[in-house]
Amino acid sequence: MRLLRKQTAALNEEELSMRELQALSVISQNKNTMGKIADDLVISLPSATSLVEKLVENGFAERTHDAHDRRIVLIHLTKNGDKKLKKATITKMKRMSYLMEKISPHDKKNILAILHNTYNSLEKRSHEKNNTE
């Protein structure tokens, strides 16, 4: 719990909540619709709209219309949003590196195995979901 508070405090120095950082990360991967952002973050469409609105107001994201279909609104990062995401990611990685230094090699191996299994499980679930749609 203390770790989460420290991580949140470090992100607050970057003026981002954890959810905002997650949203910036999702948006950075490509131009997204509000529906895709909501799906990727596993939140409701109204929550995604509110979250993106805050990012737009702070100059981290912007809305544009699709060139082929003006009804489609795309969300993408601004240069400021990209800088903010990179800076917050570096802060997060430094914190994780510091924490990993404190963990024994045996425990690191176990953590890696757990992460690998989790990743494989999520990949499998994603493929199953895509095959049923």
Protein backbone atom coordinates (compact mmCIF):
# COMPACT_ATOMS: atom_id res chain seq x y z
CA MET A 1 0.00 0.00 0.00
CA ARG A 2 2.87 2.35 0.79
CA LEU A 3 4.32 1.61 -2.66
CA LEU A 4 1.07 2.60 -4.35
CA ARG A 5 0.98 5.87 -2.40
CA LYS A 6 4.58 6.65 -3.40
CA GLN A 7 3.85 5.79 -7.03
CA THR A 8 0.75 7.98 -6.99
CA ALA A 9 2.71 10.81 -5.34
CA ALA A 10 5.39 10.54 -8.04
CA LEU A 11 2.74 10.72 -10.74
CA ASN A 12 1.06 13.64 -9.00
CA GLU A 13 4.33 15.51 -9.43
CA GLU A 14 3.70 14.94 -13.13
CA GLU A 15 0.14 16.26 -12.60
CA LEU A 16 -1.39 12.98 -13.75
CA SER A 17 -3.61 10.45 -12.03
CA MET A 18 -2.96 6.77 -12.66
CA ARG A 19 -6.07 6.64 -14.87
CA GLU A 20 -4.90 9.68 -16.88
CA LEU A 21 -1.51 8.05 -17.40
CA GLN A 22 -3.23 4.87 -18.57
CA ALA A 23 -5.38 6.90 -20.95
CA LEU A 24 -2.35 8.73 -22.37
CA SER A 25 -0.67 5.37 -22.90
CA VAL A 26 -3.68 3.96 -24.75
CA ILE A 27 -4.07 7.11 -26.85
CA SER A 28 -0.35 7.13 -27.72
CA GLN A 29 -0.58 3.76 -29.46
CA ASN A 30 -2.60 5.23 -32.32
CA LYS A 31 -5.51 7.52 -33.03
CA ASN A 32 -8.47 6.19 -31.11
CA THR A 33 -12.19 6.64 -30.94
CA MET A 34 -13.79 7.26 -27.57
CA GLY A 35 -15.30 3.76 -27.69
CA LYS A 36 -11.91 2.12 -28.20
CA ILE A 37 -10.41 4.10 -25.33
CA ALA A 38 -13.29 3.04 -23.07
CA ASP A 39 -12.85 -0.60 -24.12
CA ASP A 40 -9.08 -0.57 -23.64
CA LEU A 41 -9.37 1.03 -20.19
CA VAL A 42 -12.38 -1.15 -19.29
CA ILE A 43 -14.46 1.88 -18.30
CA SER A 44 -17.84 3.21 -19.40
CA LEU A 45 -18.13 5.50 -22.39
CA PRO A 46 -19.22 8.47 -20.21
CA SER A 47 -16.18 7.90 -17.96
CA ALA A 48 -13.89 7.79 -20.99
CA THR A 49 -15.45 10.98 -22.33
CA SER A 50 -14.90 12.76 -19.01
CA LEU A 51 -11.33 11.48 -18.78
CA VAL A 52 -10.47 12.54 -22.33
CA GLU A 53 -12.13 15.93 -21.80
CA LYS A 54 -9.79 16.57 -18.87
CA LEU A 55 -6.78 15.57 -21.00
CA VAL A 56 -7.96 17.88 -23.80
CA GLU A 57 -8.49 20.77 -21.35
CA ASN A 58 -4.95 20.27 -20.00
CA GLY A 59 -3.49 20.24 -23.51
CA PHE A 60 -2.39 16.59 -23.43
CA ALA A 61 -4.80 15.27 -26.08
CA GLU A 62 -6.89 16.63 -28.90
CA ARG A 63 -9.86 15.59 -30.97
CA THR A 64 -9.85 15.50 -34.75
CA HIS A 65 -12.35 14.26 -37.33
CA ASP A 66 -11.60 11.22 -39.46
CA ALA A 67 -10.61 12.32 -42.98
CA HIS A 68 -12.94 9.75 -44.58
CA ASP A 69 -15.90 10.01 -42.21
CA ARG A 70 -16.41 13.33 -40.42
CA ARG A 71 -18.82 11.68 -37.98
CA ILE A 72 -15.90 9.78 -36.43
CA VAL A 73 -13.96 11.71 -33.81
CA LEU A 74 -10.39 10.56 -33.22
CA ILE A 75 -8.36 11.25 -30.10
CA HIS A 76 -4.59 11.61 -30.23
CA LEU A 77 -1.81 13.01 -28.08
CA THR A 78 -0.51 16.52 -28.47
CA LYS A 79 3.25 17.12 -28.31
CA ASN A 80 2.73 18.23 -24.72
CA GLY A 81 0.82 15.01 -23.99
CA ASP A 82 3.58 12.92 -25.52
CA LYS A 83 6.20 14.72 -23.41
CA LYS A 84 4.09 14.30 -20.28
CA LEU A 85 3.62 10.58 -20.93
CA LYS A 86 7.34 10.03 -21.54
CA LYS A 87 8.29 11.95 -18.40
CA ALA A 88 5.75 10.08 -16.26
CA THR A 89 6.88 6.75 -17.72
CA ILE A 90 10.51 7.54 -16.88
CA THR A 91 9.49 8.45 -13.32
CA LYS A 92 7.57 5.18 -13.04
CA MET A 93 10.48 3.15 -14.46
CA LYS A 94 12.97 4.75 -12.06
CA ARG A 95 10.71 3.85 -9.14
CA MET A 96 10.36 0.26 -10.40
CA SER A 97 14.13 -0.05 -10.91
CA TYR A 98 14.74 1.12 -7.36
CA LEU A 99 12.24 -1.42 -6.04
CA MET A 100 13.66 -4.26 -8.13
CA GLU A 101 17.13 -3.61 -6.68
CA LYS A 102 15.71 -4.53 -3.28
CA ILE A 103 14.36 -7.91 -4.41
CA SER A 104 16.43 -11.09 -4.23
CA PRO A 105 17.40 -12.88 -7.47
CA HIS A 106 15.20 -15.84 -6.49
CA ASP A 107 12.17 -13.59 -5.98
CA LYS A 108 12.90 -11.77 -9.25
CA LYS A 109 12.83 -15.11 -11.05
CA ASN A 110 9.46 -15.93 -9.45
CA ILE A 111 8.06 -12.51 -10.35
CA LEU A 112 9.21 -12.94 -13.93
CA ALA A 113 7.52 -16.36 -14.13
CA ILE A 114 4.27 -14.92 -12.77
CA LEU A 115 4.37 -12.01 -15.22
CA HIS A 116 5.11 -14.38 -18.10
CA ASN A 117 2.17 -16.62 -17.15
CA THR A 118 -0.11 -13.62 -16.74
CA TYR A 119 0.91 -12.24 -20.13
CA ASN A 120 0.30 -15.61 -21.81
CA SER A 121 -3.10 -15.91 -20.14
CA LEU A 122 -4.12 -12.43 -21.26
CA GLU A 123 -2.90 -13.08 -24.81
CA LYS A 124 -4.87 -16.33 -24.94
CA ARG A 125 -7.99 -14.59 -23.63
CA SER A 126 -7.55 -11.79 -26.16
CA HIS A 127 -7.28 -14.26 -29.05
CA GLU A 128 -10.35 -16.16 -27.80
CA LYS A 129 -12.30 -12.89 -27.57
CA ASN A 130 -11.24 -11.87 -31.09
CA ASN A 131 -12.24 -15.26 -32.50
CA THR A 132 -15.75 -15.05 -31.01
CA GLU A 133 -16.50 -11.56 -32.33
